[in-house]
Amino acid sequence: MDLDPDTLYIALSARNEEGSYHWGLVLPLTRTTCIYYHATFGSETGGKWESRFIEQPLPMRSRALIMLWKVGAIHAKSNSINDELVKFMGGISADGSPSKRTGRDFNCRVWVMDSLAKLGEESLVPVALAFDEIEATAFEHANSVENEVVKGERGPLVVNDDAIARM
């Protein structure tokens, strides 16, 4: 299934533990490439949390990418959607400190939710669904296909509804 251009997606990728996912955001650039925005922690970052914005092939045949859920079309104020997203998401704390918005302990999911909140506040992406509901529904979507995707029996689930942005 093709992804909508100029549209942001929540991406959940498998971890070593079933039902546990790495959260990120995906902006399709072409039918085969995207920008992957995420907060990561590990040896590649010197053992510290940091946000990363990486242009890469769309991983539609990956056994790690479990689900993509459409957030909504991006309403950029400039010609460069990616530059505008990097500007705003680069301002979202990714230093491992608790969320300034919720006080929750930091992780990749909290970073995604804080990013969506900031993008919504700036009117770059419409976010009408409650953040707890976004999290619960994303887990439901991913859990429903995780085993099949990890086994290579199907590709990632792509949810192209507009539930997150619907008023």
Protein backbone atom coordinates (compact mmCIF):
# COMPACT_ATOMS: atom_id res chain seq x y z
CA MET A 1 0.00 0.00 0.00
CA ASP A 2 1.27 3.46 -0.85
CA LEU A 3 1.68 6.11 1.80
CA ASP A 4 0.15 9.54 1.35
CA PRO A 5 2.68 12.24 0.40
CA ASP A 6 3.26 15.23 2.69
CA THR A 7 1.70 13.21 5.50
CA LEU A 8 3.14 12.21 8.84
CA TYR A 9 2.83 8.64 10.14
CA ILE A 10 3.45 7.09 13.54
CA ALA A 11 5.78 4.10 13.12
CA LEU A 12 5.99 1.20 15.57
CA SER A 13 8.90 -1.22 15.13
CA ALA A 14 9.46 -4.55 16.85
CA ARG A 15 11.84 -4.96 19.73
CA ASN A 16 13.16 -8.20 21.21
CA GLU A 17 10.13 -8.47 23.51
CA GLU A 18 6.71 -9.19 22.01
CA GLY A 19 4.31 -6.26 22.41
CA SER A 20 7.15 -3.81 23.02
CA TYR A 21 7.79 -1.30 20.24
CA HIS A 22 10.18 1.45 19.25
CA TRP A 23 8.15 4.54 18.34
CA GLY A 24 9.05 7.02 15.64
CA LEU A 25 7.53 9.26 13.00
CA VAL A 26 7.78 8.80 9.23
CA LEU A 27 7.42 11.38 6.47
CA PRO A 28 7.29 9.73 3.01
CA LEU A 29 9.34 11.69 0.47
CA THR A 30 8.77 9.43 -2.53
CA ARG A 31 7.25 5.98 -3.08
CA THR A 32 10.52 4.46 -1.87
CA THR A 33 12.14 6.94 0.55
CA CYS A 34 11.21 8.66 3.79
CA ILE A 35 12.53 10.70 6.66
CA TYR A 36 12.48 8.75 9.92
CA TYR A 37 12.26 10.93 13.02
CA HIS A 38 12.87 9.24 16.38
CA ALA A 39 14.50 9.40 19.80
CA THR A 40 17.06 6.70 20.41
CA PHE A 41 19.35 5.49 23.16
CA GLY A 42 22.28 3.13 23.01
CA SER A 43 25.86 2.61 21.96
CA GLU A 44 25.34 4.52 18.70
CA THR A 45 24.53 7.65 20.72
CA GLY A 46 27.23 7.24 23.35
CA GLY A 47 24.75 5.84 25.88
CA LYS A 48 22.61 9.00 25.83
CA TRP A 49 19.14 9.76 24.51
CA GLU A 50 19.02 11.93 21.41
CA SER A 51 16.64 12.70 18.57
CA ARG A 52 17.59 11.64 15.07
CA PHE A 53 16.18 12.57 11.68
CA ILE A 54 17.33 10.15 8.98
CA GLU A 55 16.53 9.94 5.27
CA GLN A 56 16.23 6.25 4.40
CA PRO A 57 14.43 3.77 2.16
CA LEU A 58 10.84 3.09 3.19
CA PRO A 59 11.15 -0.20 5.10
CA MET A 60 7.95 -1.76 3.74
CA ARG A 61 9.54 -5.22 3.47
CA SER A 62 11.20 -5.11 6.86
CA ARG A 63 10.33 -7.61 9.57
CA ALA A 64 11.02 -4.91 12.13
CA LEU A 65 8.49 -2.27 10.99
CA ILE A 66 5.16 -3.47 12.37
CA MET A 67 2.77 -0.61 11.76
CA LEU A 68 2.41 2.85 10.22
CA TRP A 69 -0.58 4.95 11.29
CA LYS A 70 -1.44 8.14 9.45
CA VAL A 71 -1.38 11.20 11.69
CA GLY A 72 -2.39 13.69 9.02
CA ALA A 73 -1.33 15.98 6.23
CA ILE A 74 1.35 18.49 7.10
CA HIS A 75 0.43 22.14 6.79
CA ALA A 76 3.89 23.61 6.27
CA LYS A 77 4.43 27.33 6.30
CA SER A 78 7.46 27.04 4.02
CA ASN A 79 8.37 25.06 0.90
CA SER A 80 10.45 22.55 2.85
CA ILE A 81 8.24 20.31 4.96
CA ASN A 82 11.23 18.35 6.27
CA ASP A 83 13.11 21.51 7.34
CA GLU A 84 10.04 22.74 9.17
CA LEU A 85 9.52 19.40 10.94
CA VAL A 86 13.18 19.18 11.95
CA LYS A 87 12.99 22.72 13.32
CA PHE A 88 10.03 21.93 15.55
CA MET A 89 10.93 18.37 16.53
CA GLY A 90 14.53 19.36 17.17
CA GLY A 91 13.11 21.55 19.92
CA ILE A 92 11.46 18.57 21.63
CA SER A 93 13.63 17.51 24.52
CA ALA A 94 15.35 14.17 23.93
CA ASP A 95 17.89 14.30 26.73
CA GLY A 96 16.26 11.61 28.88
CA SER A 97 14.56 14.08 31.22
CA PRO A 98 10.87 13.60 32.02
CA SER A 99 8.41 15.11 29.57
CA LYS A 100 7.83 18.82 30.15
CA ARG A 101 4.28 18.30 28.87
CA THR A 102 3.23 15.34 31.04
CA GLY A 103 5.99 14.66 33.54
CA ARG A 104 6.21 11.05 32.31
CA ASP A 105 9.60 9.33 32.29
CA PHE A 106 11.30 9.79 28.94
CA ASN A 107 11.28 7.14 26.22
CA CYS A 108 10.72 7.03 22.46
CA ARG A 109 6.92 6.86 22.85
CA VAL A 110 6.87 9.94 25.10
CA TRP A 111 9.06 11.76 22.55
CA VAL A 112 6.59 10.93 19.74
CA MET A 113 3.61 12.11 21.81
CA ASP A 114 5.45 15.33 22.80
CA SER A 115 6.36 15.87 19.13
CA LEU A 116 2.73 15.42 18.04
CA ALA A 117 1.60 17.84 20.75
CA LYS A 118 4.11 20.47 19.59
CA LEU A 119 3.24 19.97 15.91
CA GLY A 120 -0.45 20.28 16.78
CA GLU A 121 0.14 23.47 18.80
CA GLU A 122 1.98 24.97 15.84
CA SER A 123 -0.86 23.89 13.48
CA LEU A 124 1.56 21.88 11.34
CA VAL A 125 -0.32 18.61 11.82
CA PRO A 126 -3.89 18.33 13.11
CA VAL A 127 -4.16 16.22 16.25
CA ALA A 128 -7.70 15.88 17.61
CA LEU A 129 -7.54 12.45 19.30
CA ALA A 130 -6.48 12.30 22.97
CA PHE A 131 -2.86 11.17 23.38
CA ASP A 132 -3.82 8.25 25.66
CA GLU A 133 -6.22 7.08 22.95
CA ILE A 134 -3.54 7.40 20.27
CA GLU A 135 -1.19 5.24 22.35
CA ALA A 136 -3.82 2.59 23.12
CA THR A 137 -5.01 2.37 19.51
CA ALA A 138 -1.46 2.23 18.13
CA PHE A 139 -0.70 -0.70 20.46
CA GLU A 140 -3.93 -2.45 19.35
CA HIS A 141 -3.02 -2.03 15.67
CA ALA A 142 0.56 -3.24 16.16
CA ASN A 143 -0.34 -6.14 18.44
CA SER A 144 -2.88 -7.39 15.88
CA VAL A 145 -0.19 -8.04 13.24
CA GLU A 146 3.14 -8.25 15.07
CA ASN A 147 3.55 -12.04 14.92
CA GLU A 148 2.73 -12.24 11.21
CA VAL A 149 5.09 -9.37 10.32
CA VAL A 150 7.99 -10.71 12.40
CA LYS A 151 7.56 -14.16 10.79
CA GLY A 152 7.60 -12.57 7.33
CA GLU A 153 4.05 -13.66 6.55
CA ARG A 154 2.93 -10.11 5.74
CA GLY A 155 4.24 -6.58 5.48
CA PRO A 156 3.61 -3.86 8.03
CA LEU A 157 0.08 -2.72 8.71
CA VAL A 158 -0.61 0.68 7.13
CA VAL A 159 -3.55 2.50 8.68
CA ASN A 160 -4.51 5.37 6.37
CA ASP A 161 -7.62 6.52 8.24
CA ASP A 162 -7.82 10.03 9.61
CA ALA A 163 -8.85 9.13 13.17
CA ILE A 164 -6.01 11.07 14.80
CA ALA A 165 -6.85 14.30 12.95
CA ARG A 166 -10.64 13.92 12.81
CA MET A 167 -12.52 16.57 14.75
